[in-house]
Full PDB file with SEQRES, HELIX, SHEET, SSBOND, CRYST1, ORIGX, SCALE, CONECT and MASTER records, all heavy atoms in Angstrom:
SEQRES   1 A   39  HIS ARG ALA ASP LEU LEU ALA LEU LEU ALA ALA ALA PHE          
SEQRES   2 A   39  PRO ALA GLU ARG LEU HIS LEU GLY HIS ARG LEU THR GLY          
SEQRES   3 A   39  ILE THR ASP HIS GLY SER HIS VAL ARG ALA HIS PHE GLY          
HELIX    1 AA1 ARG A    2  ALA A   12  1                                  11    
HELIX    2 AA2 ALA A   15  ARG A   17  5                                   3    
SHEET    1 AA1 2 LEU A  24  ASP A  29  0                                        
SHEET    2 AA1 2 VAL A  34  PHE A  38 -1                                        
CRYST1    1.000    1.000    1.000  90.00  90.00  90.00 P 1           1          
ORIGX1      1.000000  0.000000  0.000000        0.00000                         
ORIGX2      0.000000  1.000000  0.000000        0.00000                         
ORIGX3      0.000000  0.000000  1.000000        0.00000                         
SCALE1      1.000000  0.000000  0.000000        0.00000                         
SCALE2      0.000000  1.000000  0.000000        0.00000                         
SCALE3      0.000000  0.000000  1.000000        0.00000                         
ATOM      1  N   HIS A   1       0.845  -1.153   0.033  1.00  0.00           N  
ATOM      2  CA  HIS A   1       0.010   0.006  -0.021  1.00  0.00           C  
ATOM      3  C   HIS A   1       0.879   1.217   0.013  1.00  0.00           C  
ATOM      4  O   HIS A   1       1.921   1.193   0.752  1.00  0.00           O  
ATOM      5  CB  HIS A   1      -0.904  -0.003   1.249  1.00  0.00           C  
ATOM      6  CG  HIS A   1      -1.998   0.929   1.172  1.00  0.00           C  
ATOM      7  ND1 HIS A   1      -1.858   2.268   1.068  1.00  0.00           N  
ATOM      8  CD2 HIS A   1      -3.407   0.811   1.239  1.00  0.00           C  
ATOM      9  CE1 HIS A   1      -3.033   2.926   1.079  1.00  0.00           C  
ATOM     10  NE2 HIS A   1      -4.004   1.994   1.094  1.00  0.00           N  
ATOM     11  N   ARG A   2       0.585   2.189  -0.810  1.00  0.00           N  
ATOM     12  CA  ARG A   2       1.458   3.402  -0.896  1.00  0.00           C  
ATOM     13  C   ARG A   2       1.590   4.021   0.478  1.00  0.00           C  
ATOM     14  O   ARG A   2       2.691   4.575   0.764  1.00  0.00           O  
ATOM     15  CB  ARG A   2       0.823   4.392  -1.906  1.00  0.00           C  
ATOM     16  CG  ARG A   2       1.009   4.003  -3.374  1.00  0.00           C  
ATOM     17  CD  ARG A   2       0.394   5.018  -4.283  1.00  0.00           C  
ATOM     18  NE  ARG A   2       0.677   4.683  -5.716  1.00  0.00           N  
ATOM     19  CZ  ARG A   2       1.652   5.201  -6.381  1.00  0.00           C  
ATOM     20  NH1 ARG A   2       2.493   5.966  -5.807  1.00  0.00           N  
ATOM     21  NH2 ARG A   2       1.858   4.782  -7.661  1.00  0.00           N  
ATOM     22  N   ALA A   3       0.491   4.052   1.274  1.00  0.00           N  
ATOM     23  CA  ALA A   3       0.561   4.697   2.556  1.00  0.00           C  
ATOM     24  C   ALA A   3       1.581   4.011   3.500  1.00  0.00           C  
ATOM     25  O   ALA A   3       2.291   4.668   4.262  1.00  0.00           O  
ATOM     26  CB  ALA A   3      -0.776   4.765   3.154  1.00  0.00           C  
ATOM     27  N   ASP A   4       1.630   2.690   3.327  1.00  0.00           N  
ATOM     28  CA  ASP A   4       2.562   1.909   4.174  1.00  0.00           C  
ATOM     29  C   ASP A   4       3.998   2.278   3.821  1.00  0.00           C  
ATOM     30  O   ASP A   4       4.874   2.454   4.703  1.00  0.00           O  
ATOM     31  CB  ASP A   4       2.397   0.430   4.021  1.00  0.00           C  
ATOM     32  CG  ASP A   4       1.027  -0.076   4.487  1.00  0.00           C  
ATOM     33  OD1 ASP A   4       0.496   0.600   5.382  1.00  0.00           O  
ATOM     34  OD2 ASP A   4       0.544  -1.148   4.080  1.00  0.00           O  
ATOM     35  N   LEU A   5       4.277   2.371   2.476  1.00  0.00           N  
ATOM     36  CA  LEU A   5       5.607   2.761   2.100  1.00  0.00           C  
ATOM     37  C   LEU A   5       5.998   4.136   2.446  1.00  0.00           C  
ATOM     38  O   LEU A   5       7.185   4.355   2.950  1.00  0.00           O  
ATOM     39  CB  LEU A   5       5.782   2.444   0.539  1.00  0.00           C  
ATOM     40  CG  LEU A   5       7.189   2.848  -0.048  1.00  0.00           C  
ATOM     41  CD1 LEU A   5       8.260   2.009   0.610  1.00  0.00           C  
ATOM     42  CD2 LEU A   5       7.105   2.699  -1.534  1.00  0.00           C  
ATOM     43  N   LEU A   6       5.045   5.117   2.297  1.00  0.00           N  
ATOM     44  CA  LEU A   6       5.388   6.436   2.647  1.00  0.00           C  
ATOM     45  C   LEU A   6       5.742   6.568   4.151  1.00  0.00           C  
ATOM     46  O   LEU A   6       6.542   7.252   4.610  1.00  0.00           O  
ATOM     47  CB  LEU A   6       4.265   7.417   2.234  1.00  0.00           C  
ATOM     48  CG  LEU A   6       4.490   8.895   2.364  1.00  0.00           C  
ATOM     49  CD1 LEU A   6       5.572   9.347   1.357  1.00  0.00           C  
ATOM     50  CD2 LEU A   6       3.240   9.678   2.215  1.00  0.00           C  
ATOM     51  N   ALA A   7       4.884   5.853   4.980  1.00  0.00           N  
ATOM     52  CA  ALA A   7       5.112   5.932   6.456  1.00  0.00           C  
ATOM     53  C   ALA A   7       6.431   5.331   6.732  1.00  0.00           C  
ATOM     54  O   ALA A   7       7.139   5.849   7.701  1.00  0.00           O  
ATOM     55  CB  ALA A   7       3.900   5.220   7.105  1.00  0.00           C  
ATOM     56  N   LEU A   8       6.849   4.259   6.127  1.00  0.00           N  
ATOM     57  CA  LEU A   8       8.088   3.679   6.444  1.00  0.00           C  
ATOM     58  C   LEU A   8       9.238   4.612   6.095  1.00  0.00           C  
ATOM     59  O   LEU A   8      10.176   4.799   6.915  1.00  0.00           O  
ATOM     60  CB  LEU A   8       8.141   2.437   5.605  1.00  0.00           C  
ATOM     61  CG  LEU A   8       9.339   1.432   5.647  1.00  0.00           C  
ATOM     62  CD1 LEU A   8       8.847   0.061   5.110  1.00  0.00           C  
ATOM     63  CD2 LEU A   8      10.458   1.928   4.708  1.00  0.00           C  
ATOM     64  N   LEU A   9       9.122   5.218   4.950  1.00  0.00           N  
ATOM     65  CA  LEU A   9      10.265   6.176   4.571  1.00  0.00           C  
ATOM     66  C   LEU A   9      10.293   7.369   5.516  1.00  0.00           C  
ATOM     67  O   LEU A   9      11.411   7.855   5.875  1.00  0.00           O  
ATOM     68  CB  LEU A   9      10.027   6.679   3.094  1.00  0.00           C  
ATOM     69  CG  LEU A   9      10.148   5.629   1.996  1.00  0.00           C  
ATOM     70  CD1 LEU A   9       9.602   6.119   0.692  1.00  0.00           C  
ATOM     71  CD2 LEU A   9      11.578   5.080   1.925  1.00  0.00           C  
ATOM     72  N   ALA A  10       9.147   7.884   5.827  1.00  0.00           N  
ATOM     73  CA  ALA A  10       9.064   9.115   6.754  1.00  0.00           C  
ATOM     74  C   ALA A  10       9.673   8.743   8.092  1.00  0.00           C  
ATOM     75  O   ALA A  10      10.347   9.545   8.736  1.00  0.00           O  
ATOM     76  CB  ALA A  10       7.687   9.581   6.877  1.00  0.00           C  
ATOM     77  N   ALA A  11       9.328   7.553   8.609  1.00  0.00           N  
ATOM     78  CA  ALA A  11       9.833   7.187   9.927  1.00  0.00           C  
ATOM     79  C   ALA A  11      11.411   6.979   9.950  1.00  0.00           C  
ATOM     80  O   ALA A  11      12.025   7.168  10.973  1.00  0.00           O  
ATOM     81  CB  ALA A  11       9.220   5.803  10.338  1.00  0.00           C  
ATOM     82  N   ALA A  12      11.918   6.632   8.761  1.00  0.00           N  
ATOM     83  CA  ALA A  12      13.346   6.438   8.703  1.00  0.00           C  
ATOM     84  C   ALA A  12      14.153   7.726   8.594  1.00  0.00           C  
ATOM     85  O   ALA A  12      15.396   7.897   8.776  1.00  0.00           O  
ATOM     86  CB  ALA A  12      13.689   5.565   7.569  1.00  0.00           C  
ATOM     87  N   PHE A  13      13.456   8.900   8.251  1.00  0.00           N  
ATOM     88  CA  PHE A  13      14.049  10.240   8.023  1.00  0.00           C  
ATOM     89  C   PHE A  13      13.941  11.013   9.251  1.00  0.00           C  
ATOM     90  O   PHE A  13      12.820  11.152   9.812  1.00  0.00           O  
ATOM     91  CB  PHE A  13      13.393  10.944   6.795  1.00  0.00           C  
ATOM     92  CG  PHE A  13      14.162  12.076   6.365  1.00  0.00           C  
ATOM     93  CD1 PHE A  13      15.401  12.023   5.758  1.00  0.00           C  
ATOM     94  CD2 PHE A  13      13.574  13.390   6.516  1.00  0.00           C  
ATOM     95  CE1 PHE A  13      16.032  13.092   5.305  1.00  0.00           C  
ATOM     96  CE2 PHE A  13      14.301  14.559   6.114  1.00  0.00           C  
ATOM     97  CZ  PHE A  13      15.522  14.402   5.548  1.00  0.00           C  
ATOM     98  N   PRO A  14      14.939  11.719   9.777  1.00  0.00           N  
ATOM     99  CA  PRO A  14      14.888  12.470  10.948  1.00  0.00           C  
ATOM    100  C   PRO A  14      13.838  13.571  10.874  1.00  0.00           C  
ATOM    101  O   PRO A  14      13.738  14.340   9.983  1.00  0.00           O  
ATOM    102  CB  PRO A  14      16.290  13.083  11.044  1.00  0.00           C  
ATOM    103  CG  PRO A  14      17.123  12.185  10.243  1.00  0.00           C  
ATOM    104  CD  PRO A  14      16.355  11.697   9.181  1.00  0.00           C  
ATOM    105  N   ALA A  15      12.978  13.562  11.948  1.00  0.00           N  
ATOM    106  CA  ALA A  15      11.763  14.463  11.902  1.00  0.00           C  
ATOM    107  C   ALA A  15      12.145  15.879  11.847  1.00  0.00           C  
ATOM    108  O   ALA A  15      11.532  16.766  11.197  1.00  0.00           O  
ATOM    109  CB  ALA A  15      10.895  14.199  13.106  1.00  0.00           C  
ATOM    110  N   GLU A  16      13.280  16.283  12.453  1.00  0.00           N  
ATOM    111  CA  GLU A  16      13.711  17.622  12.416  1.00  0.00           C  
ATOM    112  C   GLU A  16      14.167  18.152  11.082  1.00  0.00           C  
ATOM    113  O   GLU A  16      14.355  19.404  10.894  1.00  0.00           O  
ATOM    114  CB  GLU A  16      14.763  17.854  13.530  1.00  0.00           C  
ATOM    115  CG  GLU A  16      16.149  17.182  13.100  1.00  0.00           C  
ATOM    116  CD  GLU A  16      16.240  15.787  13.580  1.00  0.00           C  
ATOM    117  OE1 GLU A  16      15.161  15.226  14.014  1.00  0.00           O  
ATOM    118  OE2 GLU A  16      17.344  15.258  13.675  1.00  0.00           O  
ATOM    119  N   ARG A  17      14.358  17.282  10.141  1.00  0.00           N  
ATOM    120  CA  ARG A  17      14.798  17.653   8.807  1.00  0.00           C  
ATOM    121  C   ARG A  17      13.588  17.618   7.827  1.00  0.00           C  
ATOM    122  O   ARG A  17      13.843  17.938   6.642  1.00  0.00           O  
ATOM    123  CB  ARG A  17      15.829  16.638   8.304  1.00  0.00           C  
ATOM    124  CG  ARG A  17      17.146  16.710   9.111  1.00  0.00           C  
ATOM    125  CD  ARG A  17      18.125  15.643   8.506  1.00  0.00           C  
ATOM    126  NE  ARG A  17      19.460  15.784   9.155  1.00  0.00           N  
ATOM    127  CZ  ARG A  17      20.424  16.621   8.826  1.00  0.00           C  
ATOM    128  NH1 ARG A  17      20.315  17.366   7.693  1.00  0.00           N  
ATOM    129  NH2 ARG A  17      21.557  16.706   9.449  1.00  0.00           N  
ATOM    130  N   LEU A  18      12.459  17.324   8.267  1.00  0.00           N  
ATOM    131  CA  LEU A  18      11.252  17.322   7.436  1.00  0.00           C  
ATOM    132  C   LEU A  18      10.383  18.601   7.860  1.00  0.00           C  
ATOM    133  O   LEU A  18       9.935  18.637   8.954  1.00  0.00           O  
ATOM    134  CB  LEU A  18      10.478  16.029   7.652  1.00  0.00           C  
ATOM    135  CG  LEU A  18       9.130  15.895   6.862  1.00  0.00           C  
ATOM    136  CD1 LEU A  18       9.310  15.972   5.361  1.00  0.00           C  
ATOM    137  CD2 LEU A  18       8.455  14.568   7.229  1.00  0.00           C  
ATOM    138  N   HIS A  19      10.129  19.417   6.877  1.00  0.00           N  
ATOM    139  CA  HIS A  19       9.460  20.646   7.068  1.00  0.00           C  
ATOM    140  C   HIS A  19       8.101  20.658   6.279  1.00  0.00           C  
ATOM    141  O   HIS A  19       8.122  20.844   5.122  1.00  0.00           O  
ATOM    142  CB  HIS A  19      10.269  21.850   6.714  1.00  0.00           C  
ATOM    143  CG  HIS A  19      11.672  21.742   7.194  1.00  0.00           C  
ATOM    144  ND1 HIS A  19      11.967  22.015   8.507  1.00  0.00           N  
ATOM    145  CD2 HIS A  19      12.899  21.401   6.611  1.00  0.00           C  
ATOM    146  CE1 HIS A  19      13.293  21.922   8.726  1.00  0.00           C  
ATOM    147  NE2 HIS A  19      13.879  21.452   7.595  1.00  0.00           N  
ATOM    148  N   LEU A  20       7.027  20.438   7.071  1.00  0.00           N  
ATOM    149  CA  LEU A  20       5.703  20.414   6.472  1.00  0.00           C  
ATOM    150  C   LEU A  20       5.068  21.803   6.313  1.00  0.00           C  
ATOM    151  O   LEU A  20       5.526  22.721   7.057  1.00  0.00           O  
ATOM    152  CB  LEU A  20       4.779  19.473   7.328  1.00  0.00           C  
ATOM    153  CG  LEU A  20       5.306  18.027   7.468  1.00  0.00           C  
ATOM    154  CD1 LEU A  20       4.331  17.240   8.327  1.00  0.00           C  
ATOM    155  CD2 LEU A  20       5.393  17.367   6.091  1.00  0.00           C  
ATOM    156  N   GLY A  21       4.088  21.920   5.535  1.00  0.00           N  
ATOM    157  CA  GLY A  21       3.434  23.195   5.340  1.00  0.00           C  
ATOM    158  C   GLY A  21       4.265  24.247   4.642  1.00  0.00           C  
ATOM    159  O   GLY A  21       4.036  25.496   4.716  1.00  0.00           O  
ATOM    160  N   HIS A  22       5.335  23.748   3.808  1.00  0.00           N  
ATOM    161  CA  HIS A  22       6.238  24.670   3.110  1.00  0.00           C  
ATOM    162  C   HIS A  22       5.888  24.567   1.670  1.00  0.00           C  
ATOM    163  O   HIS A  22       6.356  23.695   0.897  1.00  0.00           O  
ATOM    164  CB  HIS A  22       7.693  24.238   3.326  1.00  0.00           C  
ATOM    165  CG  HIS A  22       8.266  24.859   4.670  1.00  0.00           C  
ATOM    166  ND1 HIS A  22       9.644  25.006   4.840  1.00  0.00           N  
ATOM    167  CD2 HIS A  22       7.635  25.207   5.771  1.00  0.00           C  
ATOM    168  CE1 HIS A  22       9.769  25.491   6.042  1.00  0.00           C  
ATOM    169  NE2 HIS A  22       8.609  25.610   6.613  1.00  0.00           N  
ATOM    170  N   ARG A  23       4.990  25.528   1.180  1.00  0.00           N  
ATOM    171  CA  ARG A  23       4.693  25.537  -0.246  1.00  0.00           C  
ATOM    172  C   ARG A  23       5.612  26.384  -0.986  1.00  0.00           C  
ATOM    173  O   ARG A  23       5.762  27.588  -0.814  1.00  0.00           O  
ATOM    174  CB  ARG A  23       3.239  26.122  -0.393  1.00  0.00           C  
ATOM    175  CG  ARG A  23       2.702  26.225  -1.739  1.00  0.00           C  
ATOM    176  CD  ARG A  23       1.328  26.714  -1.834  1.00  0.00           C  
ATOM    177  NE  ARG A  23       1.177  28.047  -1.226  1.00  0.00           N  
ATOM    178  CZ  ARG A  23       1.419  29.153  -1.870  1.00  0.00           C  
ATOM    179  NH1 ARG A  23       1.729  29.166  -3.157  1.00  0.00           N  
ATOM    180  NH2 ARG A  23       1.235  30.325  -1.223  1.00  0.00           N  
ATOM    181  N   LEU A  24       6.403  25.727  -1.927  1.00  0.00           N  
ATOM    182  CA  LEU A  24       7.323  26.455  -2.756  1.00  0.00           C  
ATOM    183  C   LEU A  24       6.604  27.497  -3.657  1.00  0.00           C  
ATOM    184  O   LEU A  24       5.684  27.097  -4.373  1.00  0.00           O  
ATOM    185  CB  LEU A  24       8.159  25.483  -3.569  1.00  0.00           C  
ATOM    186  CG  LEU A  24       9.369  26.101  -4.310  1.00  0.00           C  
ATOM    187  CD1 LEU A  24      10.525  26.354  -3.393  1.00  0.00           C  
ATOM    188  CD2 LEU A  24       9.738  25.190  -5.510  1.00  0.00           C  
ATOM    189  N   THR A  25       7.104  28.772  -3.762  1.00  0.00           N  
ATOM    190  CA  THR A  25       6.608  29.752  -4.596  1.00  0.00           C  
ATOM    191  C   THR A  25       7.603  30.169  -5.648  1.00  0.00           C  
ATOM    192  O   THR A  25       7.287  30.822  -6.677  1.00  0.00           O  
ATOM    193  CB  THR A  25       6.062  30.966  -3.828  1.00  0.00           C  
ATOM    194  OG1 THR A  25       7.193  31.495  -3.104  1.00  0.00           O  
ATOM    195  CG2 THR A  25       4.946  30.639  -2.945  1.00  0.00           C  
ATOM    196  N   GLY A  26       8.909  29.898  -5.430  1.00  0.00           N  
ATOM    197  CA  GLY A  26       9.942  30.328  -6.363  1.00  0.00           C  
ATOM    198  C   GLY A  26      11.246  29.783  -5.935  1.00  0.00           C  
ATOM    199  O   GLY A  26      11.456  29.424  -4.801  1.00  0.00           O  
ATOM    200  N   ILE A  27      12.239  29.892  -6.895  1.00  0.00           N  
ATOM    201  CA  ILE A  27      13.635  29.594  -6.557  1.00  0.00           C  
ATOM    202  C   ILE A  27      14.529  30.629  -7.199  1.00  0.00           C  
ATOM    203  O   ILE A  27      14.206  31.193  -8.290  1.00  0.00           O  
ATOM    204  CB  ILE A  27      14.019  28.174  -7.000  1.00  0.00           C  
ATOM    205  CG1 ILE A  27      13.821  28.009  -8.507  1.00  0.00           C  
ATOM    206  CG2 ILE A  27      13.301  27.044  -6.226  1.00  0.00           C  
ATOM    207  CD1 ILE A  27      14.251  26.572  -9.041  1.00  0.00           C  
ATOM    208  N   THR A  28      15.654  30.929  -6.620  1.00  0.00           N  
ATOM    209  CA  THR A  28      16.647  31.782  -7.152  1.00  0.00           C  
ATOM    210  C   THR A  28      18.030  31.132  -7.003  1.00  0.00           C  
ATOM    211  O   THR A  28      18.387  30.808  -5.972  1.00  0.00           O  
ATOM    212  CB  THR A  28      16.661  33.121  -6.373  1.00  0.00           C  
ATOM    213  OG1 THR A  28      15.295  33.744  -6.328  1.00  0.00           O  
ATOM    214  CG2 THR A  28      17.622  34.159  -7.029  1.00  0.00           C  
ATOM    215  N   ASP A  29      18.627  30.851  -8.203  1.00  0.00           N  
ATOM    216  CA  ASP A  29      19.940  30.330  -8.183  1.00  0.00           C  
ATOM    217  C   ASP A  29      20.859  31.444  -8.201  1.00  0.00           C  
ATOM    218  O   ASP A  29      21.075  32.123  -9.170  1.00  0.00           O  
ATOM    219  CB  ASP A  29      20.082  29.402  -9.376  1.00  0.00           C  
ATOM    220  CG  ASP A  29      21.401  28.554  -9.373  1.00  0.00           C  
ATOM    221  OD1 ASP A  29      22.337  28.959  -8.671  1.00  0.00           O  
ATOM    222  OD2 ASP A  29      21.418  27.582 -10.124  1.00  0.00           O  
ATOM    223  N   HIS A  30      21.637  31.679  -7.176  1.00  0.00           N  
ATOM    224  CA  HIS A  30      22.670  32.738  -7.014  1.00  0.00           C  
ATOM    225  C   HIS A  30      24.070  32.229  -7.533  1.00  0.00           C  
ATOM    226  O   HIS A  30      25.080  33.000  -7.402  1.00  0.00           O  
ATOM    227  CB  HIS A  30      22.734  33.132  -5.573  1.00  0.00           C  
ATOM    228  CG  HIS A  30      21.511  33.864  -5.096  1.00  0.00           C  
ATOM    229  ND1 HIS A  30      21.277  35.162  -5.446  1.00  0.00           N  
ATOM    230  CD2 HIS A  30      20.493  33.399  -4.364  1.00  0.00           C  
ATOM    231  CE1 HIS A  30      20.111  35.523  -4.884  1.00  0.00           C  
ATOM    232  NE2 HIS A  30      19.618  34.492  -4.177  1.00  0.00           N  
ATOM    233  N   GLY A  31      24.153  31.063  -8.068  1.00  0.00           N  
ATOM    234  CA  GLY A  31      25.423  30.623  -8.548  1.00  0.00           C  
ATOM    235  C   GLY A  31      26.277  29.861  -7.484  1.00  0.00           C  
ATOM    236  O   GLY A  31      26.562  28.701  -7.653  1.00  0.00           O  
ATOM    237  N   SER A  32      26.421  30.483  -6.368  1.00  0.00           N  
ATOM    238  CA  SER A  32      27.085  29.784  -5.254  1.00  0.00           C  
ATOM    239  C   SER A  32      26.186  29.019  -4.360  1.00  0.00           C  
ATOM    240  O   SER A  32      26.472  28.117  -3.549  1.00  0.00           O  
ATOM    241  CB  SER A  32      27.853  30.809  -4.417  1.00  0.00           C  
ATOM    242  OG  SER A  32      26.955  31.728  -3.858  1.00  0.00           O  
ATOM    243  N   HIS A  33      24.800  29.344  -4.464  1.00  0.00           N  
ATOM    244  CA  HIS A  33      23.797  28.695  -3.622  1.00  0.00           C  
ATOM    245  C   HIS A  33      22.434  28.891  -4.332  1.00  0.00           C  
ATOM    246  O   HIS A  33      22.286  29.748  -5.152  1.00  0.00           O  
ATOM    247  CB  HIS A  33      23.723  29.162  -2.158  1.00  0.00           C  
ATOM    248  CG  HIS A  33      23.451  30.588  -2.054  1.00  0.00           C  
ATOM    249  ND1 HIS A  33      24.271  31.558  -2.254  1.00  0.00           N  
ATOM    250  CD2 HIS A  33      22.221  31.168  -1.766  1.00  0.00           C  
ATOM    251  CE1 HIS A  33      23.692  32.813  -2.073  1.00  0.00           C  
ATOM    252  NE2 HIS A  33      22.416  32.587  -1.730  1.00  0.00           N  
ATOM    253  N   VAL A  34      21.402  28.117  -3.866  1.00  0.00           N  
ATOM    254  CA  VAL A  34      19.986  28.244  -4.397  1.00  0.00           C  
ATOM    255  C   VAL A  34      19.088  28.568  -3.324  1.00  0.00           C  
ATOM    256  O   VAL A  34      19.136  27.944  -2.208  1.00  0.00           O  
ATOM    257  CB  VAL A  34      19.611  26.960  -5.074  1.00  0.00           C  
ATOM    258  CG1 VAL A  34      18.172  27.067  -5.592  1.00  0.00           C  
ATOM    259  CG2 VAL A  34      20.542  26.487  -6.071  1.00  0.00           C  
ATOM    260  N   ARG A  35      18.301  29.703  -3.469  1.00  0.00           N  
ATOM    261  CA  ARG A  35      17.365  30.108  -2.466  1.00  0.00           C  
ATOM    262  C   ARG A  35      15.956  29.582  -2.789  1.00  0.00           C  
ATOM    263  O   ARG A  35      15.439  29.871  -3.869  1.00  0.00           O  
ATOM    264  CB  ARG A  35      17.398  31.606  -2.242  1.00  0.00           C  
ATOM    265  CG  ARG A  35      16.385  32.196  -1.302  1.00  0.00           C  
ATOM    266  CD  ARG A  35      16.731  33.570  -0.876  1.00  0.00           C  
ATOM    267  NE  ARG A  35      17.974  33.649  -0.117  1.00  0.00           N  
ATOM    268  CZ  ARG A  35      18.574  34.699   0.139  1.00  0.00           C  
ATOM    269  NH1 ARG A  35      18.174  35.946  -0.271  1.00  0.00           N  
ATOM    270  NH2 ARG A  35      19.754  34.717   0.881  1.00  0.00           N  
ATOM    271  N   ALA A  36      15.303  28.881  -1.877  1.00  0.00           N  
ATOM    272  CA  ALA A  36      13.916  28.534  -2.057  1.00  0.00           C  
ATOM    273  C   ALA A  36      13.013  29.511  -1.398  1.00  0.00           C  
ATOM    274  O   ALA A  36      13.321  29.904  -0.227  1.00  0.00           O  
ATOM    275  CB  ALA A  36      13.730  27.080  -1.499  1.00  0.00           C  
ATOM    276  N   HIS A  37      11.980  29.947  -1.973  1.00  0.00           N  
ATOM    277  CA  HIS A  37      10.984  30.850  -1.457  1.00  0.00           C  
ATOM    278  C   HIS A  37       9.620  30.099  -1.208  1.00  0.00           C  
ATOM    279  O   HIS A  37       9.126  29.401  -2.026  1.00  0.00           O  
ATOM    280  CB  HIS A  37      10.742  32.025  -2.470  1.00  0.00           C  
ATOM    281  CG  HIS A  37      11.986  32.812  -2.837  1.00  0.00           C  
ATOM    282  ND1 HIS A  37      12.341  33.928  -2.246  1.00  0.00           N  
ATOM    283  CD2 HIS A  37      12.825  32.500  -3.848  1.00  0.00           C  
ATOM    284  CE1 HIS A  37      13.460  34.384  -2.805  1.00  0.00           C  
ATOM    285  NE2 HIS A  37      13.822  33.512  -3.720  1.00  0.00           N  
ATOM    286  N   PHE A  38       9.076  30.312   0.012  1.00  0.00           N  
ATOM    287  CA  PHE A  38       7.930  29.637   0.380  1.00  0.00           C  
ATOM    288  C   PHE A  38       6.744  30.548   0.625  1.00  0.00           C  
ATOM    289  O   PHE A  38       6.863  31.808   0.725  1.00  0.00           O  
ATOM    290  CB  PHE A  38       8.162  28.777   1.670  1.00  0.00           C  
ATOM    291  CG  PHE A  38       9.229  27.774   1.455  1.00  0.00           C  
ATOM    292  CD1 PHE A  38      10.590  28.020   1.882  1.00  0.00           C  
ATOM    293  CD2 PHE A  38       9.011  26.669   0.659  1.00  0.00           C  
ATOM    294  CE1 PHE A  38      11.501  27.101   1.768  1.00  0.00           C  
ATOM    295  CE2 PHE A  38      10.014  25.725   0.548  1.00  0.00           C  
ATOM    296  CZ  PHE A  38      11.266  25.934   1.043  1.00  0.00           C  
ATOM    297  N   GLY A  39       5.492  29.947   0.559  1.00  0.00           N  
ATOM    298  CA  GLY A  39       4.300  30.738   0.624  1.00  0.00           C  
ATOM    299  C   GLY A  39       4.104  31.510   1.929  1.00  0.00           C  
ATOM    300  O   GLY A  39       3.323  32.530   1.921  1.00  0.00           O  
TER     301      GLY A  39                                                      
MASTER        0    0    0    2    2    0    0    6  300    1    0    3          
END                                                                             
């Protein structure tokens, strides 16, 4: 079941590195780094 696989992957990834409610609105590539813009 897709939900089972997604839950398994999410449990294996550190929770502090997963940022929910972050809707991407744009990106800017500055050459040395990339900036993500959120809603």
